C-alpha atoms as a PDB file:
ATOM      1  CA  MET A   1      18.923 -35.090 -63.793  1.00  0.00           C
ATOM      2  CA  LEU A   2      17.807 -31.859 -65.355  1.00  0.00           C
ATOM      3  CA  PRO A   3      14.139 -33.054 -66.004  1.00  0.00           C
ATOM      4  CA  THR A   4      13.930 -34.131 -62.360  1.00  0.00           C
ATOM      5  CA  LEU A   5      15.078 -30.686 -61.118  1.00  0.00           C
ATOM      6  CA  VAL A   6      12.665 -28.950 -63.433  1.00  0.00           C
ATOM      7  CA  ARG A   7       9.827 -31.220 -62.264  1.00  0.00           C
ATOM      8  CA  ARG A   8      10.635 -30.462 -58.637  1.00  0.00           C
ATOM      9  CA  LEU A   9      10.762 -26.749 -59.265  1.00  0.00           C
ATOM     10  CA  ALA A  10       7.483 -26.833 -61.086  1.00  0.00           C
ATOM     11  CA  GLU A  11       5.866 -28.805 -58.235  1.00  0.00           C
ATOM     12  CA  ARG A  12       7.127 -26.288 -55.655  1.00  0.00           C
ATOM     13  CA  LEU A  13       5.593 -23.495 -57.666  1.00  0.00           C
ATOM     14  CA  LEU A  14       2.313 -25.347 -57.858  1.00  0.00           C
ATOM     15  CA  VAL A  15       2.391 -25.987 -54.076  1.00  0.00           C
ATOM     16  CA  ALA A  16       2.982 -22.258 -53.452  1.00  0.00           C
ATOM     17  CA  ARG A  17       0.065 -21.381 -55.758  1.00  0.00           C
ATOM     18  CA  ALA A  18      -2.282 -23.874 -54.104  1.00  0.00           C
ATOM     19  CA  CYS A  19      -1.363 -22.379 -50.646  1.00  0.00           C
ATOM     20  CA  ARG A  20      -2.310 -18.943 -51.967  1.00  0.00           C
ATOM     21  CA  GLU A  21      -5.587 -20.236 -53.311  1.00  0.00           C
ATOM     22  CA  LEU A  22      -6.382 -21.791 -49.850  1.00  0.00           C
ATOM     23  CA  ARG A  23      -6.327 -18.422 -48.183  1.00  0.00           C
ATOM     24  CA  GLY A  24      -9.743 -17.339 -47.031  1.00  0.00           C
ATOM     25  CA  LEU A  25     -11.258 -20.777 -47.745  1.00  0.00           C
ATOM     26  CA  PRO A  26     -12.681 -22.956 -44.982  1.00  0.00           C
ATOM     27  CA  ARG A  27     -10.327 -25.735 -43.834  1.00  0.00           C
ATOM     28  CA  PRO A  28     -11.413 -29.155 -42.543  1.00  0.00           C
ATOM     29  CA  ALA A  29     -10.745 -29.435 -38.821  1.00  0.00           C
ATOM     30  CA  HIS A  30     -10.862 -33.191 -39.111  1.00  0.00           C
ATOM     31  CA  LEU A  31      -9.468 -35.070 -42.125  1.00  0.00           C
ATOM     32  CA  GLY A  32     -10.024 -38.748 -42.896  1.00  0.00           C
ATOM     33  CA  LEU A  33      -7.453 -40.666 -44.989  1.00  0.00           C
ATOM     34  CA  ILE A  34      -7.967 -44.020 -46.685  1.00  0.00           C
ATOM     35  CA  MET A  35      -4.420 -45.014 -47.604  1.00  0.00           C
ATOM     36  CA  ASP A  36      -5.068 -47.147 -50.635  1.00  0.00           C
ATOM     37  CA  GLY A  37      -2.797 -48.471 -53.355  1.00  0.00           C
ATOM     38  CA  ASN A  38       0.424 -49.572 -51.522  1.00  0.00           C
ATOM     39  CA  ARG A  39       0.615 -52.918 -53.394  1.00  0.00           C
ATOM     40  CA  ARG A  40      -0.202 -51.381 -56.795  1.00  0.00           C
ATOM     41  CA  TRP A  41       2.383 -48.683 -56.184  1.00  0.00           C
ATOM     42  CA  ALA A  42       5.023 -51.321 -55.527  1.00  0.00           C
ATOM     43  CA  ARG A  43       4.239 -53.138 -58.756  1.00  0.00           C
ATOM     44  CA  SER A  44       4.290 -49.836 -60.634  1.00  0.00           C
ATOM     45  CA  VAL A  45       7.915 -49.286 -59.572  1.00  0.00           C
ATOM     46  CA  GLY A  46       8.857 -52.875 -60.469  1.00  0.00           C
ATOM     47  CA  VAL A  47       8.733 -54.538 -57.055  1.00  0.00           C
ATOM     48  CA  ALA A  48       6.434 -57.650 -56.792  1.00  0.00           C
ATOM     49  CA  ASP A  49       6.765 -57.932 -53.016  1.00  0.00           C
ATOM     50  CA  ALA A  50       3.706 -56.278 -51.423  1.00  0.00           C
ATOM     51  CA  ARG A  51       5.758 -55.672 -48.233  1.00  0.00           C
ATOM     52  CA  PHE A  52       7.772 -53.039 -50.033  1.00  0.00           C
ATOM     53  CA  GLY A  53       4.594 -51.090 -50.770  1.00  0.00           C
ATOM     54  CA  HIS A  54       3.171 -51.468 -47.268  1.00  0.00           C
ATOM     55  CA  ARG A  55       6.380 -50.243 -45.655  1.00  0.00           C
ATOM     56  CA  ALA A  56       6.646 -47.244 -48.011  1.00  0.00           C
ATOM     57  CA  GLY A  57       2.967 -46.403 -47.184  1.00  0.00           C
ATOM     58  CA  ALA A  58       3.577 -46.584 -43.439  1.00  0.00           C
ATOM     59  CA  GLU A  59       6.573 -44.364 -43.668  1.00  0.00           C
ATOM     60  CA  HIS A  60       4.772 -41.941 -45.996  1.00  0.00           C
ATOM     61  CA  LEU A  61       2.083 -41.349 -43.401  1.00  0.00           C
ATOM     62  CA  ASP A  62       4.588 -39.426 -41.249  1.00  0.00           C
ATOM     63  CA  ARG A  63       5.401 -37.123 -44.185  1.00  0.00           C
ATOM     64  CA  VAL A  64       1.688 -36.515 -44.916  1.00  0.00           C
ATOM     65  CA  LEU A  65       1.053 -35.679 -41.212  1.00  0.00           C
ATOM     66  CA  GLY A  66       3.655 -32.989 -41.489  1.00  0.00           C
ATOM     67  CA  TRP A  67       1.872 -31.525 -44.514  1.00  0.00           C
ATOM     68  CA  CYS A  68      -1.514 -31.666 -42.657  1.00  0.00           C
ATOM     69  CA  ALA A  69      -0.001 -29.848 -39.667  1.00  0.00           C
ATOM     70  CA  ARG A  70       1.440 -27.119 -41.986  1.00  0.00           C
ATOM     71  CA  ALA A  71      -1.971 -26.735 -43.650  1.00  0.00           C
ATOM     72  CA  GLY A  72      -3.668 -26.246 -40.356  1.00  0.00           C
ATOM     73  CA  VAL A  73      -5.487 -29.525 -39.992  1.00  0.00           C
ATOM     74  CA  GLY A  74      -5.921 -30.409 -36.273  1.00  0.00           C
ATOM     75  CA  ALA A  75      -7.183 -33.974 -36.429  1.00  0.00           C
ATOM     76  CA  VAL A  76      -6.502 -36.853 -38.872  1.00  0.00           C
ATOM     77  CA  SER A  77      -8.185 -40.236 -38.812  1.00  0.00           C
ATOM     78  CA  VAL A  78      -6.593 -43.065 -40.868  1.00  0.00           C
ATOM     79  CA  TYR A  79      -8.039 -46.398 -42.080  1.00  0.00           C
ATOM     80  CA  VAL A  80      -5.330 -48.978 -41.350  1.00  0.00           C
ATOM     81  CA  LEU A  81      -6.877 -52.386 -40.795  1.00  0.00           C
ATOM     82  CA  SER A  82     -10.586 -53.316 -40.591  1.00  0.00           C
ATOM     83  CA  VAL A  83     -11.827 -56.568 -39.094  1.00  0.00           C
ATOM     84  CA  ASP A  84     -12.384 -57.753 -42.665  1.00  0.00           C
ATOM     85  CA  ASN A  85      -8.854 -56.928 -43.699  1.00  0.00           C
ATOM     86  CA  ILE A  86      -7.436 -59.041 -40.863  1.00  0.00           C
ATOM     87  CA  ALA A  87      -9.699 -61.911 -41.757  1.00  0.00           C
ATOM     88  CA  LYS A  88      -9.381 -61.909 -45.525  1.00  0.00           C
ATOM     89  CA  ARG A  89      -5.752 -61.068 -46.278  1.00  0.00           C
ATOM     90  CA  ASP A  90      -3.150 -63.838 -46.216  1.00  0.00           C
ATOM     91  CA  ASP A  91      -1.387 -64.535 -42.950  1.00  0.00           C
ATOM     92  CA  GLU A  92       2.057 -63.451 -44.113  1.00  0.00           C
ATOM     93  CA  GLN A  93       0.769 -60.062 -45.289  1.00  0.00           C
ATOM     94  CA  VAL A  94      -1.215 -59.402 -42.192  1.00  0.00           C
ATOM     95  CA  ALA A  95       1.808 -60.405 -39.978  1.00  0.00           C
ATOM     96  CA  TYR A  96       3.891 -57.911 -41.824  1.00  0.00           C
ATOM     97  CA  LEU A  97       1.254 -55.174 -41.360  1.00  0.00           C
ATOM     98  CA  PHE A  98       1.207 -56.001 -37.644  1.00  0.00           C
ATOM     99  CA  GLU A  99       5.032 -55.629 -37.629  1.00  0.00           C
ATOM    100  CA  LEU A 100       4.755 -52.219 -39.179  1.00  0.00           C
ATOM    101  CA  LEU A 101       2.162 -51.167 -36.632  1.00  0.00           C
ATOM    102  CA  ALA A 102       4.508 -52.285 -33.833  1.00  0.00           C
ATOM    103  CA  THR A 103       7.532 -50.439 -35.138  1.00  0.00           C
ATOM    104  CA  VAL A 104       7.416 -47.865 -37.873  1.00  0.00           C
ATOM    105  CA  ILE A 105       4.228 -45.985 -36.913  1.00  0.00           C
ATOM    106  CA  PRO A 106       4.728 -45.835 -33.157  1.00  0.00           C
ATOM    107  CA  GLU A 107       8.407 -44.921 -33.539  1.00  0.00           C
ATOM    108  CA  ARG A 108       7.551 -42.044 -35.908  1.00  0.00           C
ATOM    109  CA  VAL A 109       4.692 -40.646 -33.915  1.00  0.00           C
ATOM    110  CA  ARG A 110       6.485 -40.846 -30.565  1.00  0.00           C
ATOM    111  CA  ARG A 111       9.578 -38.764 -31.661  1.00  0.00           C
ATOM    112  CA  PRO A 112      10.336 -35.866 -29.351  1.00  0.00           C
ATOM    113  CA  GLY A 113       8.729 -32.651 -30.414  1.00  0.00           C
ATOM    114  CA  GLY A 114       5.995 -34.355 -32.383  1.00  0.00           C
ATOM    115  CA  GLN A 115       2.657 -32.642 -32.632  1.00  0.00           C
ATOM    116  CA  TRP A 116       0.290 -35.682 -32.885  1.00  0.00           C
ATOM    117  CA  ALA A 117      -1.447 -37.420 -29.955  1.00  0.00           C
ATOM    118  CA  LEU A 118      -2.240 -41.003 -30.984  1.00  0.00           C
ATOM    119  CA  GLN A 119      -5.567 -42.726 -30.534  1.00  0.00           C
ATOM    120  CA  VAL A 120      -6.690 -46.136 -31.623  1.00  0.00           C
ATOM    121  CA  ALA A 121     -10.211 -46.965 -32.794  1.00  0.00           C
ATOM    122  CA  GLY A 122     -11.064 -50.629 -32.940  1.00  0.00           C
ATOM    123  CA  SER A 123     -10.108 -53.800 -31.110  1.00  0.00           C
ATOM    124  CA  LEU A 124      -6.482 -54.355 -30.148  1.00  0.00           C
ATOM    125  CA  ASP A 125      -7.548 -57.831 -28.987  1.00  0.00           C
ATOM    126  CA  LEU A 126      -7.280 -58.758 -32.692  1.00  0.00           C
ATOM    127  CA  VAL A 127      -3.634 -57.869 -33.003  1.00  0.00           C
ATOM    128  CA  PRO A 128      -0.529 -59.565 -31.553  1.00  0.00           C
ATOM    129  CA  ASP A 129       0.417 -58.631 -27.950  1.00  0.00           C
ATOM    130  CA  GLU A 130       3.652 -56.931 -29.135  1.00  0.00           C
ATOM    131  CA  THR A 131       1.730 -54.752 -31.554  1.00  0.00           C
ATOM    132  CA  ALA A 132      -0.962 -53.913 -29.025  1.00  0.00           C
ATOM    133  CA  ARG A 133       1.721 -53.021 -26.436  1.00  0.00           C
ATOM    134  CA  ALA A 134       3.635 -50.779 -28.866  1.00  0.00           C
ATOM    135  CA  LEU A 135       0.487 -48.901 -29.808  1.00  0.00           C
ATOM    136  CA  LYS A 136      -0.720 -48.470 -26.213  1.00  0.00           C
ATOM    137  CA  GLU A 137       2.725 -47.137 -25.239  1.00  0.00           C
ATOM    138  CA  ALA A 138       2.621 -44.667 -28.064  1.00  0.00           C
ATOM    139  CA  VAL A 139      -0.817 -43.470 -26.970  1.00  0.00           C
ATOM    140  CA  GLU A 140       0.481 -42.873 -23.500  1.00  0.00           C
ATOM    141  CA  ALA A 141       3.738 -41.173 -24.668  1.00  0.00           C
ATOM    142  CA  THR A 142       1.865 -38.744 -27.000  1.00  0.00           C
ATOM    143  CA  ARG A 143      -0.991 -37.800 -24.698  1.00  0.00           C
ATOM    144  CA  GLY A 144      -1.575 -34.072 -24.424  1.00  0.00           C
ATOM    145  CA  ARG A 145      -0.136 -33.077 -27.812  1.00  0.00           C
ATOM    146  CA  PRO A 146      -2.058 -30.393 -29.739  1.00  0.00           C
ATOM    147  CA  ARG A 147      -3.099 -32.491 -32.785  1.00  0.00           C
ATOM    148  CA  ARG A 148      -4.949 -35.812 -32.820  1.00  0.00           C
ATOM    149  CA  LEU A 149      -4.119 -38.871 -34.942  1.00  0.00           C
ATOM    150  CA  THR A 150      -6.628 -41.695 -34.874  1.00  0.00           C
ATOM    151  CA  LEU A 151      -5.734 -45.121 -36.335  1.00  0.00           C
ATOM    152  CA  ALA A 152      -8.515 -47.523 -37.197  1.00  0.00           C
ATOM    153  CA  ILE A 153      -7.089 -50.921 -36.301  1.00  0.00           C
ATOM    154  CA  GLY A 154      -9.305 -54.007 -35.997  1.00  0.00           C
ATOM    155  CA  PHE A 155     -12.182 -51.629 -36.660  1.00  0.00           C
ATOM    156  CA  ASP A 156     -15.633 -53.042 -37.238  1.00  0.00           C
ATOM    157  CA  PRO A 157     -17.849 -50.273 -38.736  1.00  0.00           C
ATOM    158  CA  PHE A 158     -21.119 -52.049 -38.073  1.00  0.00           C
ATOM    159  CA  GLY A 159     -20.118 -53.409 -34.730  1.00  0.00           C
ATOM    160  CA  ASP A 160     -19.128 -49.913 -33.634  1.00  0.00           C
ATOM    161  CA  ILE A 161     -22.687 -48.575 -34.177  1.00  0.00           C
ATOM    162  CA  VAL A 162     -24.357 -51.750 -32.847  1.00  0.00           C
ATOM    163  CA  GLY A 163     -22.185 -51.671 -29.685  1.00  0.00           C
ATOM    164  CA  ALA A 164     -23.088 -48.014 -29.109  1.00  0.00           C
ATOM    165  CA  VAL A 165     -26.805 -48.841 -29.415  1.00  0.00           C
ATOM    166  CA  ARG A 166     -26.478 -51.746 -27.038  1.00  0.00           C
ATOM    167  CA  ALA A 167     -24.608 -49.643 -24.540  1.00  0.00           C
ATOM    168  CA  ALA A 168     -27.398 -46.978 -24.584  1.00  0.00           C
ATOM    169  CA  LEU A 169     -30.174 -49.557 -24.210  1.00  0.00           C
ATOM    170  CA  SER A 170     -28.319 -51.356 -21.380  1.00  0.00           C
ATOM    171  CA  GLU A 171     -27.975 -48.073 -19.574  1.00  0.00           C
ATOM    172  CA  ALA A 172     -31.744 -47.568 -19.987  1.00  0.00           C
ATOM    173  CA  ALA A 173     -32.408 -51.061 -18.664  1.00  0.00           C
ATOM    174  CA  LEU A 174     -30.283 -50.411 -15.573  1.00  0.00           C
ATOM    175  CA  ARG A 175     -32.609 -47.406 -14.924  1.00  0.00           C
ATOM    176  CA  GLY A 176     -35.509 -49.753 -14.963  1.00  0.00           C
ATOM    177  CA  ASP A 177     -36.901 -48.727 -18.342  1.00  0.00           C
ATOM    178  CA  SER A 178     -38.833 -51.372 -20.276  1.00  0.00           C
ATOM    179  CA  VAL A 179     -37.710 -52.396 -23.753  1.00  0.00           C
ATOM    180  CA  ALA A 180     -40.398 -50.194 -25.269  1.00  0.00           C
ATOM    181  CA  GLU A 181     -39.392 -47.204 -23.079  1.00  0.00           C
ATOM    182  CA  ALA A 182     -35.677 -47.706 -23.883  1.00  0.00           C
ATOM    183  CA  ALA A 183     -36.392 -47.836 -27.627  1.00  0.00           C
ATOM    184  CA  ALA A 184     -38.704 -44.870 -27.553  1.00  0.00           C
ATOM    185  CA  SER A 185     -36.194 -42.684 -25.663  1.00  0.00           C
ATOM    186  CA  LEU A 186     -33.177 -43.657 -27.839  1.00  0.00           C
ATOM    187  CA  GLU A 187     -31.745 -40.598 -29.586  1.00  0.00           C
ATOM    188  CA  ALA A 188     -28.789 -40.078 -31.948  1.00  0.00           C
ATOM    189  CA  GLY A 189     -26.944 -38.162 -29.316  1.00  0.00           C
ATOM    190  CA  GLN A 190     -26.876 -41.196 -27.053  1.00  0.00           C
ATOM    191  CA  ILE A 191     -25.239 -43.252 -29.770  1.00  0.00           C
ATOM    192  CA  ASP A 192     -22.880 -40.463 -30.725  1.00  0.00           C
ATOM    193  CA  ARG A 193     -21.407 -40.348 -27.256  1.00  0.00           C
ATOM    194  CA  ARG A 194     -20.659 -44.054 -27.281  1.00  0.00           C
ATOM    195  CA  ILE A 195     -19.141 -44.352 -30.755  1.00  0.00           C
ATOM    196  CA  ALA A 196     -15.488 -45.335 -30.753  1.00  0.00           C
ATOM    197  CA  ALA A 197     -12.798 -42.746 -31.392  1.00  0.00           C
ATOM    198  CA  PRO A 198     -12.606 -40.339 -33.111  1.00  0.00           C
ATOM    199  CA  ALA A 199     -14.674 -38.203 -30.841  1.00  0.00           C
ATOM    200  CA  ASP A 200     -15.917 -35.779 -33.436  1.00  0.00           C
ATOM    201  CA  ASP A 201     -17.215 -35.713 -37.058  1.00  0.00           C
ATOM    202  CA  ILE A 202     -14.935 -36.009 -40.026  1.00  0.00           C
ATOM    203  CA  ASP A 203     -15.159 -33.095 -42.439  1.00  0.00           C
ATOM    204  CA  LEU A 204     -13.251 -34.374 -45.449  1.00  0.00           C
ATOM    205  CA  VAL A 205     -12.270 -37.964 -46.515  1.00  0.00           C
ATOM    206  CA  ILE A 206      -9.549 -38.452 -49.064  1.00  0.00           C
ATOM    207  CA  ARG A 207      -9.124 -41.847 -50.683  1.00  0.00           C
ATOM    208  CA  THR A 208      -6.111 -42.568 -52.824  1.00  0.00           C
ATOM    209  CA  SER A 209      -5.504 -45.024 -55.747  1.00  0.00           C
ATOM    210  CA  GLY A 210      -8.739 -44.093 -57.661  1.00  0.00           C
ATOM    211  CA  GLU A 211     -11.117 -46.354 -55.802  1.00  0.00           C
ATOM    212  CA  GLN A 212     -14.427 -44.532 -55.259  1.00  0.00           C
ATOM    213  CA  ARG A 213     -15.918 -46.130 -52.126  1.00  0.00           C
ATOM    214  CA  LEU A 214     -15.632 -45.694 -48.402  1.00  0.00           C
ATOM    215  CA  SER A 215     -15.245 -49.284 -47.394  1.00  0.00           C
ATOM    216  CA  GLY A 216     -16.818 -48.790 -44.002  1.00  0.00           C
ATOM    217  CA  PHE A 217     -14.654 -45.887 -43.097  1.00  0.00           C
ATOM    218  CA  PHE A 218     -16.069 -44.499 -39.807  1.00  0.00           C
ATOM    219  CA  PRO A 219     -19.648 -44.445 -41.195  1.00  0.00           C
ATOM    220  CA  TRP A 220     -21.065 -42.601 -38.143  1.00  0.00           C
ATOM    221  CA  ARG A 221     -18.304 -39.958 -38.116  1.00  0.00           C
ATOM    222  CA  ALA A 222     -18.111 -39.591 -41.902  1.00  0.00           C
ATOM    223  CA  ALA A 223     -21.826 -39.351 -42.580  1.00  0.00           C
ATOM    224  CA  HIS A 224     -21.643 -35.731 -43.605  1.00  0.00           C
ATOM    225  CA  ALA A 225     -18.068 -35.599 -44.846  1.00  0.00           C
ATOM    226  CA  GLU A 226     -17.001 -34.219 -48.213  1.00  0.00           C
ATOM    227  CA  LEU A 227     -15.338 -36.864 -50.371  1.00  0.00           C
ATOM    228  CA  VAL A 228     -12.266 -36.476 -52.626  1.00  0.00           C
ATOM    229  CA  PHE A 229     -10.985 -39.472 -54.580  1.00  0.00           C
ATOM    230  CA  CYS A 230      -7.440 -39.202 -55.831  1.00  0.00           C
ATOM    231  CA  ASP A 231      -6.037 -41.357 -58.671  1.00  0.00           C
ATOM    232  CA  ILE A 232      -2.535 -41.462 -57.170  1.00  0.00           C
ATOM    233  CA  HIS A 233      -1.408 -44.490 -55.074  1.00  0.00           C
ATOM    234  CA  TRP A 234      -0.810 -43.691 -51.449  1.00  0.00           C
ATOM    235  CA  PRO A 235       3.057 -43.805 -51.383  1.00  0.00           C
ATOM    236  CA  ALA A 236       3.065 -41.328 -54.311  1.00  0.00           C
ATOM    237  CA  PHE A 237       0.567 -38.959 -52.744  1.00  0.00           C
ATOM    238  CA  ARG A 238       2.138 -35.527 -52.785  1.00  0.00           C
ATOM    239  CA  GLU A 239       1.689 -32.302 -50.738  1.00  0.00           C
ATOM    240  CA  LEU A 240       0.251 -30.781 -53.859  1.00  0.00           C
ATOM    241  CA  ASP A 241      -2.424 -33.515 -53.948  1.00  0.00           C
ATOM    242  CA  LEU A 242      -3.305 -32.779 -50.362  1.00  0.00           C
ATOM    243  CA  LEU A 243      -3.600 -29.032 -50.993  1.00  0.00           C
ATOM    244  CA  ARG A 244      -5.703 -29.580 -53.992  1.00  0.00           C
ATOM    245  CA  ALA A 245      -8.096 -31.767 -51.942  1.00  0.00           C
ATOM    246  CA  LEU A 246      -8.219 -29.058 -49.222  1.00  0.00           C
ATOM    247  CA  ARG A 247      -8.917 -26.511 -51.937  1.00  0.00           C
ATOM    248  CA  THR A 248     -11.771 -28.617 -53.306  1.00  0.00           C
ATOM    249  CA  TYR A 249     -13.211 -28.930 -49.843  1.00  0.00           C
ATOM    250  CA  GLY A 250     -12.951 -25.234 -49.159  1.00  0.00           C
ATOM    251  CA  ARG A 251     -14.594 -24.246 -52.418  1.00  0.00           C
ATOM    252  CA  ARG A 252     -17.478 -26.689 -51.856  1.00  0.00           C
ATOM    253  CA  VAL A 253     -18.118 -25.453 -48.356  1.00  0.00           C
ATOM    254  CA  HIS A 254     -17.761 -21.800 -49.402  1.00  0.00           C
ATOM    255  CA  ALA A 255     -20.198 -22.283 -52.287  1.00  0.00           C
ATOM    256  CA  ARG A 256     -22.826 -23.667 -49.977  1.00  0.00           C
ATOM    257  CA  ALA A 257     -22.458 -20.749 -47.612  1.00  0.00           C
ATOM    258  CA  VAL A 258     -23.057 -17.949 -50.131  1.00  0.00           C
END
């Protein structure tokens, strides 16, 4: 009992110090989170059932969003399920993830007094009707809130960019432009306007569990993002870890500006 109390006190002191060190440093307006390590965390605490880890990870997102709001982050984008995740994971595991997306996350984000407006990036045609309905209702219920939460669900990173290019070229064709004219006039801004949510660039991407790759995480929006890789599994990710990542971001940006 005593070691636990000492550890908690020490962590609170470290959080307070990290907050002080953040003063005067640039903050990311838009944070990206790759919530990795749910299954490995479950095994590390002696539970073989991956569902235990996935539920803990889904519930932990609500806690982390509170820390983000307290730290002044106005937008958070989270990698939940890509097209590849849906196709490659076993049916039972995917079904449970869909259940969490229909219950835990919408229920938490919809609570009265919440700060986060929910958006979905990806194709809800790839998820069960019940899950899609719960997410759409949560989007409507949270519209107009001051902070923005974007969930990548059924997200295809390559298809997102290809679709934006196709839309821009189709618009040019409707104007009567030839293929050569449409291609010659195509600019990055035309693609940018047609990219799926989120609507603006991501400043910082944090990936947990020690993996050092982006795995197709919003490639257009994260093209210029700072990257921080954290060795802690997602359900064990602490406010201190978040603040340290924000501090790393602030110091990097500040160093480039001087």
